[in-house]
Amino acid sequence: MGIFDFLKNRKKTEKSEHVKTFIVDNLYTISAVNSFHKVDSEKFRIETENGNTYLTISNFELTEYGGNIEEIKSEDLKHQVLPLYEKFVNEGNYKKVGDLTIEKNYISQSFINPNDETEYHLTTMNNFNGRLIVSNFIMNSIADYSENNRKIFLYSFLTMKPIN
């Protein structure tokens, strides 16, 4: 089963009925399955109707980046993100789920937090109109870890499109 199989078997016209598009901090858009709706919050946040699953995205501009923002490398992300993930485990009593993913433009890892909620984390760096923006995606769910929830989470990130 591929990452988008839950959408593949629907006709193109039907797909738009099963996903919503959201604007995030006037920087980019993401799509999410139709069961999510926007919630008033200081940070971008969408959640399911029952509130059992929610996705929060925070963005900040990295102003002191030593490299060329046209050539962002996974090594740069590793140096920033992996120590934070270790801190979750060592100081926050989080338990890692064995799904660490390191790609050129993002790093993702899921955890079980001390409240036995599943947290799906993803950090990415992108060049938006000459500004290096770090985006942290975190989806919390009271449900046990599931590949399907991870796919839904990754789908939101993979549909990220800059606003011009």
N, C-alpha and C. Protein backbone atom coordinates (compact mmCIF):
# COMPACT_ATOMS: atom_id res chain seq x y z
N MET A 1 0.84 -1.18 0.00
CA MET A 1 0.00 0.00 0.00
C MET A 1 0.89 1.25 0.00
N GLY A 2 0.66 2.14 -0.93
CA GLY A 2 1.43 3.36 -1.03
C GLY A 2 0.88 4.45 -0.13
N ILE A 3 1.63 5.52 -0.04
CA ILE A 3 1.30 6.60 0.88
C ILE A 3 -0.03 7.28 0.56
N PHE A 4 -0.42 7.32 -0.71
CA PHE A 4 -1.64 8.02 -1.08
C PHE A 4 -2.75 7.08 -1.54
N ASP A 5 -2.66 5.80 -1.22
CA ASP A 5 -3.67 4.85 -1.65
C ASP A 5 -5.07 5.21 -1.17
N PHE A 6 -5.17 5.89 -0.02
CA PHE A 6 -6.49 6.26 0.47
C PHE A 6 -7.16 7.29 -0.45
N LEU A 7 -6.39 7.93 -1.33
CA LEU A 7 -6.97 8.88 -2.28
C LEU A 7 -6.95 8.37 -3.72
N LYS A 8 -6.10 7.40 -4.02
CA LYS A 8 -5.88 6.95 -5.39
C LYS A 8 -7.12 6.45 -6.11
N ASN A 9 -7.95 5.71 -5.44
CA ASN A 9 -9.06 5.04 -6.10
C ASN A 9 -10.25 5.95 -6.36
N ARG A 10 -10.16 7.18 -6.02
CA ARG A 10 -11.24 8.12 -6.27
C ARG A 10 -10.96 8.88 -7.55
N LYS A 11 -12.01 9.26 -8.26
CA LYS A 11 -11.85 10.06 -9.47
C LYS A 11 -11.31 11.43 -9.07
N LYS A 12 -10.66 12.09 -10.01
CA LYS A 12 -10.06 13.40 -9.73
C LYS A 12 -11.10 14.39 -9.20
N THR A 13 -12.29 14.39 -9.76
CA THR A 13 -13.31 15.33 -9.29
C THR A 13 -13.76 15.00 -7.88
N GLU A 14 -13.69 13.73 -7.49
CA GLU A 14 -14.09 13.34 -6.15
C GLU A 14 -13.03 13.71 -5.11
N LYS A 15 -11.78 13.77 -5.51
CA LYS A 15 -10.70 14.05 -4.56
C LYS A 15 -10.93 15.35 -3.83
N SER A 16 -11.36 16.38 -4.54
CA SER A 16 -11.52 17.68 -3.90
C SER A 16 -12.61 17.64 -2.83
N GLU A 17 -13.53 16.68 -2.92
CA GLU A 17 -14.56 16.54 -1.90
C GLU A 17 -14.01 15.91 -0.63
N HIS A 18 -12.85 15.26 -0.71
CA HIS A 18 -12.30 14.53 0.43
C HIS A 18 -11.11 15.24 1.08
N VAL A 19 -10.71 16.37 0.54
CA VAL A 19 -9.62 17.13 1.12
C VAL A 19 -9.99 18.62 1.17
N LYS A 20 -9.37 19.32 2.10
CA LYS A 20 -9.53 20.77 2.21
C LYS A 20 -8.14 21.39 2.09
N THR A 21 -8.10 22.61 1.60
CA THR A 21 -6.85 23.36 1.51
C THR A 21 -6.88 24.48 2.55
N PHE A 22 -5.76 24.67 3.23
CA PHE A 22 -5.65 25.68 4.27
C PHE A 22 -4.44 26.56 3.98
N ILE A 23 -4.55 27.86 4.26
CA ILE A 23 -3.43 28.79 4.15
C ILE A 23 -2.73 28.83 5.52
N VAL A 24 -1.40 28.67 5.50
CA VAL A 24 -0.61 28.65 6.73
C VAL A 24 0.26 29.90 6.79
N ASP A 25 -0.05 30.78 7.73
CA ASP A 25 0.75 31.98 8.00
C ASP A 25 1.04 32.83 6.76
N ASN A 26 0.16 32.81 5.79
CA ASN A 26 0.33 33.56 4.53
C ASN A 26 1.64 33.23 3.82
N LEU A 27 2.19 32.03 4.09
CA LEU A 27 3.43 31.58 3.46
C LEU A 27 3.17 30.50 2.41
N TYR A 28 2.29 29.56 2.76
CA TYR A 28 2.04 28.41 1.89
C TYR A 28 0.68 27.82 2.21
N THR A 29 0.25 26.91 1.35
CA THR A 29 -0.97 26.17 1.60
C THR A 29 -0.62 24.71 1.85
N ILE A 30 -1.50 24.03 2.58
CA ILE A 30 -1.42 22.59 2.74
C ILE A 30 -2.83 22.04 2.51
N SER A 31 -2.90 20.76 2.25
CA SER A 31 -4.19 20.09 2.16
C SER A 31 -4.27 19.07 3.28
N ALA A 32 -5.49 18.81 3.72
CA ALA A 32 -5.73 17.80 4.76
C ALA A 32 -7.04 17.11 4.44
N VAL A 33 -7.18 15.90 4.95
CA VAL A 33 -8.43 15.18 4.73
C VAL A 33 -9.58 15.99 5.29
N ASN A 34 -10.74 15.78 4.71
CA ASN A 34 -11.92 16.59 4.98
C ASN A 34 -12.38 16.57 6.44
N SER A 35 -11.94 15.62 7.21
CA SER A 35 -12.39 15.53 8.60
C SER A 35 -11.75 16.60 9.49
N PHE A 36 -10.78 17.34 8.98
CA PHE A 36 -10.13 18.41 9.74
C PHE A 36 -10.80 19.75 9.47
N HIS A 37 -10.84 20.61 10.48
CA HIS A 37 -11.31 21.98 10.32
C HIS A 37 -10.38 22.91 11.09
N LYS A 38 -10.35 24.18 10.67
CA LYS A 38 -9.46 25.18 11.27
C LYS A 38 -9.99 25.58 12.65
N VAL A 39 -9.05 25.79 13.57
CA VAL A 39 -9.37 26.19 14.93
C VAL A 39 -8.66 27.50 15.21
N ASP A 40 -9.33 28.43 15.92
CA ASP A 40 -8.68 29.68 16.31
C ASP A 40 -7.59 29.36 17.32
N SER A 41 -6.37 29.81 17.01
CA SER A 41 -5.22 29.53 17.86
C SER A 41 -4.11 30.51 17.50
N GLU A 42 -3.15 30.69 18.41
CA GLU A 42 -2.01 31.56 18.11
C GLU A 42 -1.19 31.00 16.96
N LYS A 43 -1.07 29.67 16.90
CA LYS A 43 -0.37 29.00 15.81
C LYS A 43 -1.42 28.42 14.88
N PHE A 44 -0.99 28.06 13.68
CA PHE A 44 -1.90 27.38 12.77
C PHE A 44 -2.30 26.05 13.39
N ARG A 45 -3.61 25.77 13.43
CA ARG A 45 -4.08 24.51 14.01
C ARG A 45 -5.36 24.06 13.31
N ILE A 46 -5.38 22.78 12.95
CA ILE A 46 -6.59 22.13 12.46
C ILE A 46 -6.82 20.89 13.30
N GLU A 47 -8.08 20.50 13.44
CA GLU A 47 -8.36 19.31 14.23
C GLU A 47 -9.58 18.58 13.67
N THR A 48 -9.74 17.33 14.11
CA THR A 48 -10.92 16.56 13.72
C THR A 48 -12.12 17.06 14.51
N GLU A 49 -13.31 16.73 14.05
CA GLU A 49 -14.54 17.17 14.70
C GLU A 49 -14.58 16.81 16.19
N ASN A 50 -14.12 15.61 16.53
CA ASN A 50 -14.17 15.17 17.93
C ASN A 50 -12.98 15.69 18.75
N GLY A 51 -12.02 16.35 18.10
CA GLY A 51 -10.87 16.92 18.80
C GLY A 51 -9.82 15.91 19.22
N ASN A 52 -9.98 14.65 18.83
CA ASN A 52 -9.04 13.61 19.24
C ASN A 52 -7.72 13.66 18.48
N THR A 53 -7.72 14.31 17.33
CA THR A 53 -6.50 14.45 16.53
C THR A 53 -6.41 15.89 16.06
N TYR A 54 -5.22 16.48 16.22
CA TYR A 54 -5.04 17.84 15.73
C TYR A 54 -3.63 18.03 15.20
N LEU A 55 -3.52 18.93 14.25
CA LEU A 55 -2.25 19.26 13.60
C LEU A 55 -1.95 20.72 13.88
N THR A 56 -0.76 20.96 14.44
CA THR A 56 -0.30 22.32 14.72
C THR A 56 0.96 22.56 13.89
N ILE A 57 1.05 23.74 13.28
CA ILE A 57 2.23 24.09 12.49
C ILE A 57 2.75 25.43 13.00
N SER A 58 4.04 25.46 13.31
CA SER A 58 4.67 26.73 13.68
C SER A 58 5.80 26.99 12.70
N ASN A 59 5.96 28.25 12.35
CA ASN A 59 6.96 28.68 11.39
C ASN A 59 7.82 29.77 12.00
N PHE A 60 9.11 29.75 11.67
CA PHE A 60 9.95 30.88 12.03
C PHE A 60 11.01 31.06 10.96
N GLU A 61 11.47 32.29 10.84
CA GLU A 61 12.49 32.61 9.84
C GLU A 61 13.87 32.41 10.46
N LEU A 62 14.71 31.68 9.75
CA LEU A 62 16.09 31.47 10.18
C LEU A 62 16.92 32.55 9.51
N THR A 63 17.34 33.54 10.30
CA THR A 63 18.03 34.69 9.72
C THR A 63 19.54 34.52 9.67
N GLU A 64 20.10 33.64 10.49
CA GLU A 64 21.55 33.44 10.50
C GLU A 64 21.89 32.05 10.02
N TYR A 65 21.73 31.84 8.73
CA TYR A 65 22.01 30.56 8.12
C TYR A 65 23.33 30.68 7.38
N GLY A 66 24.27 29.81 7.66
CA GLY A 66 25.61 29.90 7.09
C GLY A 66 25.73 29.44 5.65
N GLY A 67 24.71 28.77 5.13
CA GLY A 67 24.80 28.24 3.78
C GLY A 67 23.97 29.04 2.80
N ASN A 68 23.96 28.55 1.58
CA ASN A 68 23.17 29.14 0.51
C ASN A 68 21.74 28.63 0.64
N ILE A 69 20.76 29.52 0.81
CA ILE A 69 19.39 29.05 1.02
C ILE A 69 18.80 28.40 -0.24
N GLU A 70 19.48 28.55 -1.36
CA GLU A 70 19.04 27.84 -2.57
C GLU A 70 19.46 26.38 -2.52
N GLU A 71 20.39 26.02 -1.61
CA GLU A 71 20.92 24.66 -1.54
C GLU A 71 20.82 24.11 -0.12
N ILE A 72 19.62 24.11 0.43
CA ILE A 72 19.41 23.59 1.78
C ILE A 72 19.69 22.09 1.78
N LYS A 73 20.43 21.63 2.76
CA LYS A 73 20.85 20.24 2.82
C LYS A 73 20.27 19.54 4.04
N SER A 74 20.10 18.23 3.92
CA SER A 74 19.57 17.46 5.05
C SER A 74 20.52 17.52 6.25
N GLU A 75 21.82 17.71 6.01
CA GLU A 75 22.77 17.83 7.13
C GLU A 75 22.41 19.01 8.02
N ASP A 76 21.95 20.10 7.41
CA ASP A 76 21.57 21.28 8.19
C ASP A 76 20.38 20.95 9.09
N LEU A 77 19.43 20.22 8.56
CA LEU A 77 18.28 19.81 9.36
C LEU A 77 18.69 18.86 10.46
N LYS A 78 19.56 17.91 10.14
CA LYS A 78 20.00 16.93 11.14
C LYS A 78 20.60 17.62 12.35
N HIS A 79 21.44 18.62 12.12
CA HIS A 79 22.10 19.32 13.23
C HIS A 79 21.10 20.06 14.12
N GLN A 80 20.00 20.50 13.53
CA GLN A 80 19.01 21.23 14.32
C GLN A 80 17.98 20.33 14.97
N VAL A 81 17.55 19.30 14.26
CA VAL A 81 16.38 18.53 14.68
C VAL A 81 16.72 17.31 15.52
N LEU A 82 17.71 16.53 15.14
CA LEU A 82 17.99 15.29 15.85
C LEU A 82 18.32 15.49 17.34
N PRO A 83 19.10 16.53 17.70
CA PRO A 83 19.31 16.75 19.14
C PRO A 83 18.00 17.07 19.89
N LEU A 84 17.08 17.77 19.23
CA LEU A 84 15.79 18.07 19.85
C LEU A 84 15.00 16.78 20.08
N TYR A 85 15.01 15.88 19.09
CA TYR A 85 14.31 14.60 19.24
C TYR A 85 14.91 13.79 20.39
N GLU A 86 16.23 13.84 20.53
CA GLU A 86 16.88 13.13 21.65
C GLU A 86 16.48 13.75 22.99
N LYS A 87 16.32 15.07 23.00
CA LYS A 87 15.91 15.76 24.23
C LYS A 87 14.50 15.33 24.63
N PHE A 88 13.61 15.13 23.66
CA PHE A 88 12.26 14.63 23.96
C PHE A 88 12.35 13.33 24.74
N VAL A 89 13.24 12.45 24.31
CA VAL A 89 13.38 11.12 24.93
C VAL A 89 14.09 11.23 26.28
N ASN A 90 15.22 11.91 26.30
CA ASN A 90 16.06 11.95 27.51
C ASN A 90 15.50 12.83 28.62
N GLU A 91 14.84 13.92 28.27
CA GLU A 91 14.35 14.84 29.29
C GLU A 91 12.83 14.87 29.41
N GLY A 92 12.15 14.50 28.33
CA GLY A 92 10.69 14.61 28.33
C GLY A 92 9.96 13.29 28.49
N ASN A 93 10.72 12.20 28.64
CA ASN A 93 10.14 10.87 28.81
C ASN A 93 9.26 10.43 27.64
N TYR A 94 9.59 10.89 26.44
CA TYR A 94 8.91 10.43 25.24
C TYR A 94 9.52 9.10 24.81
N LYS A 95 8.72 8.29 24.13
CA LYS A 95 9.21 7.03 23.57
C LYS A 95 9.19 7.15 22.06
N LYS A 96 10.32 6.82 21.42
CA LYS A 96 10.40 6.88 19.97
C LYS A 96 9.62 5.73 19.35
N VAL A 97 8.98 6.03 18.23
CA VAL A 97 8.42 5.00 17.37
C VAL A 97 9.45 4.82 16.26
N GLY A 98 9.68 3.63 15.83
CA GLY A 98 10.76 3.35 14.88
C GLY A 98 10.51 3.79 13.46
N ASP A 99 10.16 5.07 13.28
CA ASP A 99 9.86 5.54 11.92
C ASP A 99 10.65 6.79 11.53
N LEU A 100 11.84 6.97 12.11
CA LEU A 100 12.66 8.14 11.76
C LEU A 100 12.88 8.17 10.25
N THR A 101 12.56 9.31 9.66
CA THR A 101 12.74 9.51 8.22
C THR A 101 13.56 10.77 8.01
N ILE A 102 14.66 10.63 7.27
CA ILE A 102 15.50 11.79 6.95
C ILE A 102 15.57 11.89 5.43
N GLU A 103 15.03 12.97 4.92
CA GLU A 103 15.05 13.25 3.49
C GLU A 103 15.79 14.57 3.27
N LYS A 104 15.98 14.91 2.02
CA LYS A 104 16.71 16.15 1.71
C LYS A 104 16.04 17.38 2.32
N ASN A 105 14.70 17.40 2.31
CA ASN A 105 14.01 18.62 2.74
C ASN A 105 13.19 18.46 4.02
N TYR A 106 13.25 17.30 4.67
CA TYR A 106 12.54 17.18 5.95
C TYR A 106 13.08 16.02 6.78
N ILE A 107 12.79 16.10 8.08
CA ILE A 107 13.07 15.01 9.02
C ILE A 107 11.77 14.78 9.79
N SER A 108 11.44 13.51 9.96
CA SER A 108 10.20 13.16 10.65
C SER A 108 10.45 12.02 11.63
N GLN A 109 9.78 12.08 12.76
CA GLN A 109 9.87 11.03 13.79
C GLN A 109 8.58 11.07 14.59
N SER A 110 8.07 9.91 14.93
CA SER A 110 6.88 9.82 15.78
C SER A 110 7.28 9.39 17.18
N PHE A 111 6.47 9.82 18.14
CA PHE A 111 6.74 9.54 19.55
C PHE A 111 5.44 9.20 20.26
N ILE A 112 5.58 8.52 21.38
CA ILE A 112 4.49 8.38 22.35
C ILE A 112 4.87 9.30 23.50
N ASN A 113 4.01 10.28 23.79
CA ASN A 113 4.36 11.25 24.84
C ASN A 113 4.00 10.69 26.22
N PRO A 114 4.38 11.37 27.31
CA PRO A 114 4.12 10.86 28.66
C PRO A 114 2.63 10.66 28.97
N ASN A 115 1.73 11.29 28.21
CA ASN A 115 0.29 11.12 28.40
C ASN A 115 -0.27 9.99 27.55
N ASP A 116 0.62 9.19 26.95
CA ASP A 116 0.26 8.08 26.06
C ASP A 116 -0.47 8.52 24.80
N GLU A 117 -0.26 9.76 24.40
CA GLU A 117 -0.75 10.24 23.10
C GLU A 117 0.35 10.00 22.07
N THR A 118 -0.05 9.82 20.83
CA THR A 118 0.91 9.69 19.75
C THR A 118 1.18 11.07 19.17
N GLU A 119 2.44 11.41 19.00
CA GLU A 119 2.83 12.67 18.36
C GLU A 119 3.66 12.36 17.13
N TYR A 120 3.22 12.90 15.99
CA TYR A 120 3.94 12.77 14.74
C TYR A 120 4.62 14.11 14.48
N HIS A 121 5.96 14.11 14.42
CA HIS A 121 6.72 15.36 14.25
C HIS A 121 7.38 15.38 12.88
N LEU A 122 7.45 16.58 12.30
CA LEU A 122 8.16 16.76 11.03
C LEU A 122 8.69 18.19 11.01
N THR A 123 9.95 18.34 10.64
CA THR A 123 10.56 19.66 10.51
C THR A 123 11.13 19.79 9.10
N THR A 124 10.89 20.93 8.50
CA THR A 124 11.38 21.20 7.15
C THR A 124 11.91 22.63 7.07
N MET A 125 12.84 22.86 6.15
CA MET A 125 13.33 24.22 5.87
C MET A 125 13.06 24.49 4.40
N ASN A 126 12.49 25.67 4.12
CA ASN A 126 12.16 26.03 2.75
C ASN A 126 12.50 27.48 2.47
N ASN A 127 12.84 27.74 1.24
CA ASN A 127 13.10 29.10 0.79
C ASN A 127 11.79 29.66 0.22
N PHE A 128 11.20 30.61 0.95
CA PHE A 128 10.00 31.28 0.48
C PHE A 128 10.36 32.72 0.17
N ASN A 129 10.46 33.04 -1.12
CA ASN A 129 10.75 34.40 -1.57
C ASN A 129 12.00 34.98 -0.91
N GLY A 130 13.08 34.17 -0.86
CA GLY A 130 14.35 34.63 -0.32
C GLY A 130 14.44 34.60 1.19
N ARG A 131 13.43 34.06 1.85
CA ARG A 131 13.43 33.92 3.31
C ARG A 131 13.51 32.44 3.66
N LEU A 132 14.43 32.07 4.54
CA LEU A 132 14.56 30.68 4.96
C LEU A 132 13.60 30.44 6.12
N ILE A 133 12.57 29.65 5.87
CA ILE A 133 11.52 29.40 6.85
C ILE A 133 11.63 27.96 7.36
N VAL A 134 11.70 27.81 8.67
CA VAL A 134 11.67 26.50 9.31
C VAL A 134 10.23 26.27 9.74
N SER A 135 9.67 25.13 9.34
CA SER A 135 8.29 24.78 9.68
C SER A 135 8.29 23.51 10.51
N ASN A 136 7.60 23.56 11.63
CA ASN A 136 7.45 22.39 12.50
C ASN A 136 6.00 21.93 12.45
N PHE A 137 5.79 20.74 11.94
CA PHE A 137 4.47 20.11 11.89
C PHE A 137 4.39 19.12 13.05
N ILE A 138 3.34 19.21 13.85
CA ILE A 138 3.14 18.25 14.93
C ILE A 138 1.67 17.84 14.93
N MET A 139 1.45 16.54 14.75
CA MET A 139 0.09 16.02 14.84
C MET A 139 -0.02 15.18 16.11
N ASN A 140 -0.97 15.54 16.97
CA ASN A 140 -1.23 14.79 18.20
C ASN A 140 -2.49 13.97 18.01
N SER A 141 -2.47 12.76 18.55
CA SER A 141 -3.64 11.89 18.47
C SER A 141 -3.74 11.07 19.75
N ILE A 142 -4.96 10.95 20.27
CA ILE A 142 -5.12 10.11 21.44
C ILE A 142 -5.13 8.63 21.04
N ALA A 143 -5.21 8.36 19.76
CA ALA A 143 -5.19 6.98 19.27
C ALA A 143 -3.77 6.43 19.29
N ASP A 144 -3.65 5.11 19.29
CA ASP A 144 -2.35 4.47 19.18
C ASP A 144 -1.71 4.84 17.85
N TYR A 145 -0.38 4.71 17.79
CA TYR A 145 0.34 4.95 16.55
C TYR A 145 -0.25 4.10 15.43
N SER A 146 -0.41 4.72 14.25
CA SER A 146 -0.86 3.95 13.10
C SER A 146 -0.21 4.48 11.83
N GLU A 147 0.07 3.57 10.93
CA GLU A 147 0.64 3.96 9.63
C GLU A 147 -0.33 4.86 8.88
N ASN A 148 -1.63 4.60 8.99
CA ASN A 148 -2.61 5.42 8.29
C ASN A 148 -2.58 6.86 8.80
N ASN A 149 -2.52 7.06 10.12
CA ASN A 149 -2.41 8.43 10.65
C ASN A 149 -1.12 9.09 10.20
N ARG A 150 -0.04 8.33 10.16
CA ARG A 150 1.23 8.88 9.68
C ARG A 150 1.12 9.31 8.22
N LYS A 151 0.43 8.52 7.41
CA LYS A 151 0.24 8.88 5.99
C LYS A 151 -0.59 10.15 5.86
N ILE A 152 -1.64 10.26 6.66
CA ILE A 152 -2.47 11.48 6.64
C ILE A 152 -1.62 12.69 7.04
N PHE A 153 -0.78 12.51 8.06
CA PHE A 153 0.12 13.57 8.52
C PHE A 153 1.10 13.97 7.41
N LEU A 154 1.76 12.99 6.80
CA LEU A 154 2.72 13.28 5.74
C LEU A 154 2.05 13.90 4.52
N TYR A 155 0.83 13.50 4.24
CA TYR A 155 0.09 14.07 3.12
C TYR A 155 -0.01 15.58 3.26
N SER A 156 -0.33 16.05 4.47
CA SER A 156 -0.43 17.51 4.68
C SER A 156 0.87 18.21 4.35
N PHE A 157 1.99 17.64 4.79
CA PHE A 157 3.28 18.25 4.47
C PHE A 157 3.57 18.17 2.97
N LEU A 158 3.34 17.03 2.37
CA LEU A 158 3.70 16.84 0.96
C LEU A 158 2.86 17.69 0.01
N THR A 159 1.74 18.21 0.49
CA THR A 159 0.91 19.08 -0.36
C THR A 159 1.27 20.55 -0.17
N MET A 160 2.31 20.84 0.60
CA MET A 160 2.73 22.21 0.87
C MET A 160 3.09 22.92 -0.45
N LYS A 161 2.44 24.09 -0.68
CA LYS A 161 2.71 24.89 -1.88
C LYS A 161 2.87 26.35 -1.47
N PRO A 162 3.97 26.99 -1.91
CA PRO A 162 4.18 28.39 -1.53
C PRO A 162 3.12 29.30 -2.14
N ILE A 163 2.81 30.35 -1.41
CA ILE A 163 1.93 31.40 -1.92
C ILE A 163 2.83 32.46 -2.55
N ASN A 164 2.55 32.78 -3.77
CA ASN A 164 3.42 33.77 -4.46
C ASN A 164 2.93 35.17 -4.31
